[in-house]
Protein backbone atom coordinates (compact mmCIF):
# COMPACT_ATOMS: atom_id res chain seq x y z
CA MET A 1 8.47 7.53 4.42
CA GLU A 2 6.44 4.35 5.05
CA ILE A 3 6.56 1.82 2.21
CA ILE A 4 4.26 -1.12 1.48
CA THR A 5 4.49 -4.05 -0.94
CA LEU A 6 1.15 -5.38 -2.16
CA GLY A 7 1.58 -9.06 -1.48
CA LYS A 8 2.98 -11.22 -4.27
CA THR A 9 2.40 -8.50 -6.88
CA GLY A 10 5.73 -6.96 -5.94
CA ILE A 11 4.18 -3.51 -6.31
CA THR A 12 6.00 -1.35 -3.75
CA VAL A 13 4.67 2.14 -3.06
CA ASN A 14 4.31 4.81 -0.40
CA LYS A 15 1.65 3.87 2.18
CA ASN A 16 -0.72 6.45 0.72
CA GLY A 17 -2.83 5.57 -2.29
CA PHE A 18 -4.83 8.07 -4.34
CA GLY A 19 -8.52 7.16 -4.62
CA ALA A 20 -9.74 8.73 -7.86
CA LEU A 21 -13.50 8.36 -7.39
CA PRO A 22 -13.96 11.98 -6.18
CA ILE A 23 -12.11 13.58 -9.11
CA GLN A 24 -15.10 12.83 -11.33
CA ARG A 25 -16.77 15.74 -9.52
CA ILE A 26 -14.16 18.36 -10.49
CA SER A 27 -12.83 19.81 -13.74
CA THR A 28 -10.21 18.00 -15.79
CA GLU A 29 -7.75 20.83 -15.13
CA ASP A 30 -8.17 20.57 -11.36
CA ALA A 31 -8.09 16.76 -11.41
CA VAL A 32 -4.85 16.72 -13.40
CA LYS A 33 -3.27 19.20 -10.98
CA LEU A 34 -4.28 17.04 -8.00
CA ALA A 35 -2.98 13.80 -9.51
CA ARG A 36 0.31 15.35 -10.57
CA ARG A 37 0.78 17.04 -7.19
CA ALA A 38 0.24 13.66 -5.52
CA TYR A 39 2.87 12.07 -7.77
CA GLU A 40 5.38 14.87 -7.18
CA ALA A 41 4.95 14.38 -3.43
CA GLY A 42 5.69 10.63 -3.64
CA ILE A 43 2.26 9.01 -4.14
CA THR A 44 2.49 6.54 -7.02
CA PHE A 45 -0.59 4.29 -6.60
CA PHE A 46 -3.81 5.51 -8.23
CA ASP A 47 -7.13 3.65 -8.08
CA THR A 48 -10.05 4.31 -10.41
CA ALA A 49 -12.86 2.42 -12.20
CA ARG A 50 -14.95 2.38 -15.37
CA PHE A 51 -17.89 3.07 -13.04
CA TYR A 52 -16.40 6.44 -12.00
CA THR A 53 -17.58 8.36 -15.10
CA ASP A 54 -14.58 10.36 -16.42
CA SER A 55 -12.11 9.54 -13.64
CA GLU A 56 -10.05 7.24 -15.88
CA GLU A 57 -9.81 9.89 -18.59
CA LYS A 58 -8.53 12.46 -16.11
CA LEU A 59 -5.83 10.11 -14.85
CA GLY A 60 -4.97 9.30 -18.45
CA GLU A 61 -4.32 12.96 -19.13
CA ALA A 62 -2.44 13.47 -15.88
CA PHE A 63 0.06 10.71 -16.62
CA ASP A 64 0.28 10.85 -20.39
CA GLY A 65 3.94 10.42 -21.32
CA MET A 66 4.94 9.19 -17.86
CA ARG A 67 2.84 6.06 -17.53
CA GLU A 68 5.70 3.85 -16.31
CA LYS A 69 6.25 6.10 -13.27
CA VAL A 70 2.93 5.25 -11.59
CA TYR A 71 0.82 2.20 -10.75
CA ILE A 72 -2.79 2.34 -11.92
CA ALA A 73 -5.57 0.06 -10.72
CA THR A 74 -8.99 0.14 -12.32
CA LYS A 75 -12.11 -2.00 -12.25
CA THR A 76 -14.81 -3.62 -14.36
CA ALA A 77 -18.38 -4.31 -13.29
CA ALA A 78 -18.83 -6.66 -16.26
CA SER A 79 -21.19 -9.60 -15.84
CA ASN A 80 -19.88 -11.63 -18.79
CA ALA A 81 -16.80 -11.96 -21.00
CA GLU A 82 -18.13 -9.71 -23.77
CA GLU A 83 -18.68 -6.84 -21.33
CA PHE A 84 -15.28 -7.54 -19.77
CA TRP A 85 -13.38 -7.07 -23.03
CA ARG A 86 -15.38 -3.96 -23.90
CA ASP A 87 -14.66 -2.41 -20.49
CA LEU A 88 -10.98 -3.30 -20.68
CA GLU A 89 -10.47 -1.72 -24.09
CA ILE A 90 -12.31 1.45 -23.01
CA SER A 91 -10.21 1.67 -19.84
CA LEU A 92 -6.97 1.25 -21.77
CA GLY A 93 -8.05 4.03 -24.13
CA ASN A 94 -9.17 6.32 -21.33
CA LEU A 95 -5.93 5.81 -19.42
CA ARG A 96 -3.80 6.24 -22.56
CA THR A 97 -1.91 3.04 -21.84
CA ASP A 98 -1.42 -0.46 -23.18
CA TYR A 99 -1.50 -2.14 -19.76
CA ILE A 100 -3.19 -1.88 -16.38
CA ASP A 101 -1.21 -2.74 -13.26
CA ILE A 102 -4.13 -4.22 -11.30
CA TYR A 103 -7.44 -5.00 -12.99
CA GLN A 104 -10.20 -5.67 -10.47
CA PHE A 105 -13.67 -7.14 -10.56
CA HIS A 106 -15.79 -4.31 -9.17
CA ASN A 107 -17.91 -5.45 -6.20
CA PRO A 108 -19.41 -8.59 -7.78
CA SER A 109 -22.17 -10.33 -5.82
CA PHE A 110 -20.20 -13.58 -6.15
CA CYS A 111 -16.56 -14.61 -6.44
CA PRO A 112 -15.72 -15.12 -10.14
CA LYS A 113 -13.94 -18.42 -10.73
CA PRO A 114 -12.98 -20.55 -13.71
CA GLY A 115 -15.90 -22.63 -14.93
CA ASP A 116 -18.62 -20.59 -13.19
CA GLY A 117 -20.39 -19.99 -16.50
CA THR A 118 -19.74 -16.24 -16.74
CA GLY A 119 -16.40 -16.46 -18.53
CA LEU A 120 -15.15 -13.56 -16.40
CA TYR A 121 -12.16 -15.19 -14.77
CA GLU A 122 -11.14 -16.87 -18.00
CA ALA A 123 -11.17 -13.42 -19.64
CA MET A 124 -8.95 -12.07 -16.84
CA ILE A 125 -6.43 -14.85 -17.43
CA GLU A 126 -6.42 -14.22 -21.18
CA ALA A 127 -5.99 -10.45 -20.69
CA LYS A 128 -3.02 -11.14 -18.41
CA ALA A 129 -1.51 -13.52 -20.97
CA GLN A 130 -1.84 -10.77 -23.60
CA GLY A 131 -0.01 -8.31 -21.32
CA LYS A 132 -3.00 -5.99 -21.07
CA ILE A 133 -3.18 -6.46 -17.32
CA ARG A 134 -0.38 -7.37 -14.91
CA HIS A 135 -2.23 -8.45 -11.77
CA ILE A 136 -5.73 -9.74 -10.98
CA GLY A 137 -7.73 -8.20 -8.15
CA ILE A 138 -11.23 -8.06 -6.73
CA THR A 139 -13.11 -5.41 -4.75
CA ASN A 140 -16.06 -6.05 -2.51
CA HIS A 141 -18.27 -4.85 0.31
CA ARG A 142 -19.46 -8.34 1.27
CA LEU A 143 -17.44 -10.28 3.82
CA ALA A 144 -18.50 -13.67 2.48
CA VAL A 145 -17.35 -12.84 -1.06
CA ALA A 146 -14.08 -11.34 0.22
CA GLU A 147 -13.36 -14.42 2.31
CA GLU A 148 -14.11 -16.72 -0.63
CA ALA A 149 -11.80 -14.70 -2.87
CA ILE A 150 -8.93 -15.11 -0.39
CA GLU A 151 -9.56 -18.82 0.05
CA SER A 152 -9.78 -19.37 -3.72
CA GLY A 153 -6.14 -18.46 -4.30
CA LEU A 154 -7.18 -16.85 -7.59
CA TYR A 155 -6.58 -13.21 -6.72
CA GLU A 156 -3.47 -11.14 -6.08
CA THR A 157 -5.22 -8.24 -4.33
CA LEU A 158 -8.38 -7.59 -2.36
CA GLN A 159 -9.89 -4.13 -2.03
CA PHE A 160 -12.29 -3.89 0.91
CA PRO A 161 -13.67 -1.18 3.24
CA PHE A 162 -11.30 -0.86 6.18
CA CYS A 163 -11.18 1.91 8.75
CA TYR A 164 -11.10 2.24 12.52
CA LEU A 165 -14.79 1.33 12.64
CA ALA A 166 -13.85 -2.15 11.37
CA SER A 167 -15.24 -5.27 13.01
CA GLU A 168 -13.09 -8.14 14.27
CA ARG A 169 -14.08 -10.07 11.16
CA ASP A 170 -12.89 -7.20 8.95
CA ILE A 171 -9.56 -7.17 10.76
CA ALA A 172 -9.31 -10.95 10.29
CA LEU A 173 -9.50 -10.36 6.51
CA VAL A 174 -6.30 -8.33 6.68
CA GLU A 175 -4.49 -11.18 8.42
CA LYS A 176 -5.88 -13.75 5.96
CA CYS A 177 -4.58 -11.67 3.06
CA ARG A 178 -1.16 -11.41 4.68
CA GLU A 179 -1.01 -15.18 5.16
CA ALA A 180 -2.11 -15.75 1.55
CA GLY A 181 0.39 -13.27 0.12
CA MET A 182 -2.43 -11.07 -1.18
CA GLY A 183 -2.24 -7.31 -1.25
CA PHE A 184 -4.91 -5.57 0.85
CA ILE A 185 -6.15 -2.23 -0.51
CA ALA A 186 -8.23 -0.34 2.04
CA MET A 187 -11.10 1.68 0.62
CA LYS A 188 -13.45 3.84 2.70
CA ALA A 189 -10.61 4.56 5.14
CA LEU A 190 -12.58 7.68 6.14
CA SER A 191 -15.89 5.77 6.07
CA GLY A 192 -17.28 7.88 3.26
CA GLY A 193 -16.69 11.15 5.13
CA LEU A 194 -18.02 10.08 8.54
CA ILE A 195 -14.48 9.94 9.94
CA THR A 196 -13.29 13.53 10.14
CA ASN A 197 -9.91 13.07 11.80
CA SER A 198 -7.51 12.01 9.06
CA ALA A 199 -4.56 11.65 11.44
CA ALA A 200 -6.50 9.10 13.50
CA ALA A 201 -7.54 7.32 10.30
CA TYR A 202 -3.93 7.18 9.13
CA ALA A 203 -2.60 5.99 12.50
CA PHE A 204 -5.09 3.13 12.51
CA GLU A 205 -4.15 1.98 9.00
CA ALA A 206 -0.45 2.30 9.79
CA GLN A 207 -0.75 -0.48 12.38
CA TYR A 208 -1.20 -3.00 9.55
CA GLU A 209 1.97 -3.42 7.52
CA ASN A 210 0.23 -5.13 4.58
CA VAL A 211 -2.58 -2.55 4.16
CA LEU A 212 -2.49 0.18 1.51
CA PRO A 213 -5.13 2.85 2.24
CA ILE A 214 -6.45 4.79 -0.73
CA TRP A 215 -7.65 8.25 0.24
CA GLY A 216 -10.43 9.74 -1.87
CA VAL A 217 -9.58 13.39 -2.49
CA GLN A 218 -11.04 16.14 -4.64
CA ARG A 219 -9.64 19.28 -2.98
CA ALA A 220 -6.05 20.45 -2.74
CA HIS A 221 -6.16 20.96 1.02
CA GLU A 222 -7.35 17.37 1.52
CA LEU A 223 -4.45 16.05 -0.53
CA GLU A 224 -1.96 18.23 1.34
CA GLU A 225 -3.08 16.66 4.62
CA PHE A 226 -2.11 13.20 3.43
CA ILE A 227 1.05 14.45 1.76
CA SER A 228 2.13 15.89 5.13
CA TYR A 229 1.86 12.39 6.60
CA ILE A 230 4.51 11.06 4.20
CA ALA A 231 7.28 12.83 6.10
CA HIS A 232 5.51 12.86 9.46
CA PRO A 233 3.21 9.80 9.68
CA PRO A 234 0.77 9.93 12.61
CA VAL A 235 1.21 7.13 15.13
CA MET A 236 -1.21 5.62 17.58
CA THR A 237 -1.25 7.67 20.79
CA GLU A 238 -3.57 7.74 23.77
CA GLU A 239 -5.17 10.87 22.35
CA ILE A 240 -5.86 9.17 19.02
CA ARG A 241 -7.12 6.05 20.79
CA ALA A 242 -9.62 8.24 22.64
CA ILE A 243 -10.85 9.76 19.36
CA ILE A 244 -11.29 6.30 17.87
CA GLU A 245 -13.15 4.98 20.90
CA HIS A 246 -15.46 8.00 20.87
CA ASP A 247 -16.26 7.50 17.20
CA ARG A 248 -16.77 3.77 17.63
CA LYS A 249 -19.41 4.46 20.26
CA GLU A 250 -21.11 7.17 18.23
CA LEU A 251 -21.16 5.12 15.02
CA ALA A 252 -21.96 1.75 16.57
CA GLY A 253 -24.85 -0.16 15.08
CA GLU A 254 -26.45 0.15 11.68
CA PHE A 255 -25.43 3.13 9.58
CA CYS A 256 -25.11 3.86 5.88
CA ARG A 257 -21.52 3.79 4.58
CA GLY A 258 -22.48 5.76 1.47
CA CYS A 259 -21.13 3.15 -0.99
CA GLY A 260 -23.99 3.81 -3.44
CA TYR A 261 -24.61 0.20 -4.50
CA CYS A 262 -28.29 0.65 -3.61
CA MET A 263 -28.60 3.16 -6.43
CA PRO A 264 -30.32 4.17 -8.60
CA CYS A 265 -33.63 4.68 -6.81
CA PRO A 266 -36.77 4.32 -8.99
CA VAL A 267 -38.09 7.67 -7.72
CA GLY A 268 -34.75 9.49 -7.65
CA ILE A 269 -33.93 9.46 -3.92
CA GLU A 270 -30.20 10.05 -3.36
CA ILE A 271 -30.09 7.15 -0.93
CA ASN A 272 -26.34 7.06 -0.29
CA ASN A 273 -26.44 10.59 1.15
CA CYS A 274 -29.96 10.81 2.54
CA ALA A 275 -29.75 7.57 4.53
CA ARG A 276 -26.85 8.91 6.60
CA MET A 277 -27.91 12.54 6.87
CA SER A 278 -28.27 12.49 10.67
CA LEU A 279 -24.64 11.46 11.06
CA MET A 280 -23.39 13.99 8.52
CA LEU A 281 -25.24 16.78 10.29
CA ARG A 282 -23.46 15.96 13.52
CA ARG A 283 -20.01 15.05 12.24
CA ALA A 284 -19.39 17.84 9.74
CA PRO A 285 -20.41 21.50 9.40
CA SER A 286 -24.18 21.31 8.97
CA ASP A 287 -24.55 24.32 6.65
CA ALA A 288 -23.66 22.21 3.59
CA GLN A 289 -26.43 19.76 4.49
CA LEU A 290 -29.15 22.37 5.06
CA THR A 291 -29.12 24.13 1.69
CA LEU A 292 -32.30 24.44 -0.34
CA GLU A 293 -30.90 21.89 -2.78
CA MET A 294 -30.33 19.35 -0.02
CA GLN A 295 -33.74 20.05 1.47
CA GLU A 296 -35.30 19.13 -1.87
CA LYS A 297 -33.25 15.93 -1.98
CA MET A 298 -34.40 14.95 1.51
CA LYS A 299 -38.02 15.77 0.63
CA LYS A 300 -37.82 13.13 -2.12
CA ILE A 301 -37.90 10.53 0.66
CA GLU A 302 -41.66 11.24 0.84
CA ASP A 303 -41.91 9.60 -2.61
CA CYS A 304 -40.41 6.29 -1.41
CA LEU A 305 -42.31 3.36 -2.95
CA HIS A 306 -41.10 0.90 -0.30
CA CYS A 307 -40.29 -1.38 -3.22
CA GLY A 308 -37.36 -2.90 -1.35
CA LYS A 309 -34.91 -2.64 -4.26
CA CYS A 310 -32.39 -0.58 -2.28
CA LYS A 311 -32.63 -2.95 0.67
CA SER A 312 -32.02 -5.99 -1.52
CA LYS A 313 -28.89 -4.41 -3.06
CA CYS A 314 -27.29 -3.15 0.16
CA PRO A 315 -24.06 -5.13 0.74
CA TYR A 316 -24.37 -4.46 4.48
CA GLY A 317 -27.93 -5.80 4.73
CA LEU A 318 -29.35 -2.49 5.97
CA ASP A 319 -33.07 -1.73 6.09
CA THR A 320 -32.58 1.36 3.95
CA PRO A 321 -36.26 2.44 3.69
CA THR A 322 -36.43 2.57 7.50
CA LEU A 323 -33.09 4.41 7.67
CA LEU A 324 -34.34 6.96 5.13
CA ALA A 325 -37.52 7.57 7.12
CA LYS A 326 -35.62 8.03 10.40
CA ASN A 327 -33.11 10.39 8.81
CA TYR A 328 -35.89 12.45 7.22
CA GLU A 329 -37.74 12.88 10.50
CA ASP A 330 -34.51 13.95 12.22
CA TYR A 331 -33.72 16.33 9.36
CA LYS A 332 -37.10 18.06 9.70
CA ARG A 333 -36.52 18.52 13.43
CA VAL A 334 -33.14 20.10 12.72
CA LEU A 335 -34.70 22.46 10.15
CA ALA A 336 -37.39 23.42 12.66
CA GLY A 337 -34.72 24.26 15.24
CA GLU A 338 -35.91 21.52 17.59
CA VAL A 339 -32.49 19.81 17.52
CA SER A 340 -29.11 21.54 17.55
CA VAL A 341 -26.22 20.36 15.37
CA LYS A 342 -22.75 21.63 14.40
């Protein structure tokens, strides 16, 4: 079993974290079964957020009466101290606990610091003094904010997208966190579903001793895959290197990671799925993307106002209206049988 300690927090867990965003899409009964199965198999780190609808409540039910046996990280997207305290109290209630192991600022557009006028960091410090949180973290999709957070010395953990499609600058973040004694929590380790080989994904993450990947799961068979890696962790082989190199070439350039921070769209376009449809059609069984329901969602692209709101909110600086248009044209060709996919 591979073990990781998250920097100076002292939190030591199996090198498999449970990403609880997807469990908002399943029933409470199924979510509780998944979370408990993960715990029974040796996974003790669970990551959620106020933003993930009822995900916190489901984890709260799963670990009611056994809170001290797991580590729970959650997040607030608060923009001021009043919202911070409201979010924190709701999260504590949802999770049926009186403390949160790691409380994280959820993808802020800036790095909260003392004296910045928002009162956010001051609220974090006060919550820690009260014992309501044990460690202070930040999540982000913006390299500049992540780098500033590390350099500030104010945070104990950083959660950032990290997978085998990472850039050299992304990889440098991991090393900077190690040097600073910060825990590095890797989200999007499967790039929002674009990486389909979990063994290759795991082998890549395993190369970095200070990285804790959190795998987003909502189905039992997905969880069992990662559980199997506890006893038999995949390692980097020539075969896996070839898979990674192939995917790097195929996914090079500008593509939507599906983070959803461009949402909501004023006309109801499901941007985080529609803007990467071409890749999903080719990297996963296409039947699920060609249903009547999905066809209607793609057709909504015709209603695009070109208002630029999604483009301005994209943490990766993508030209999302152009991506949507390209994906829609490709989708229509696939429907017409002009292009073959999986």
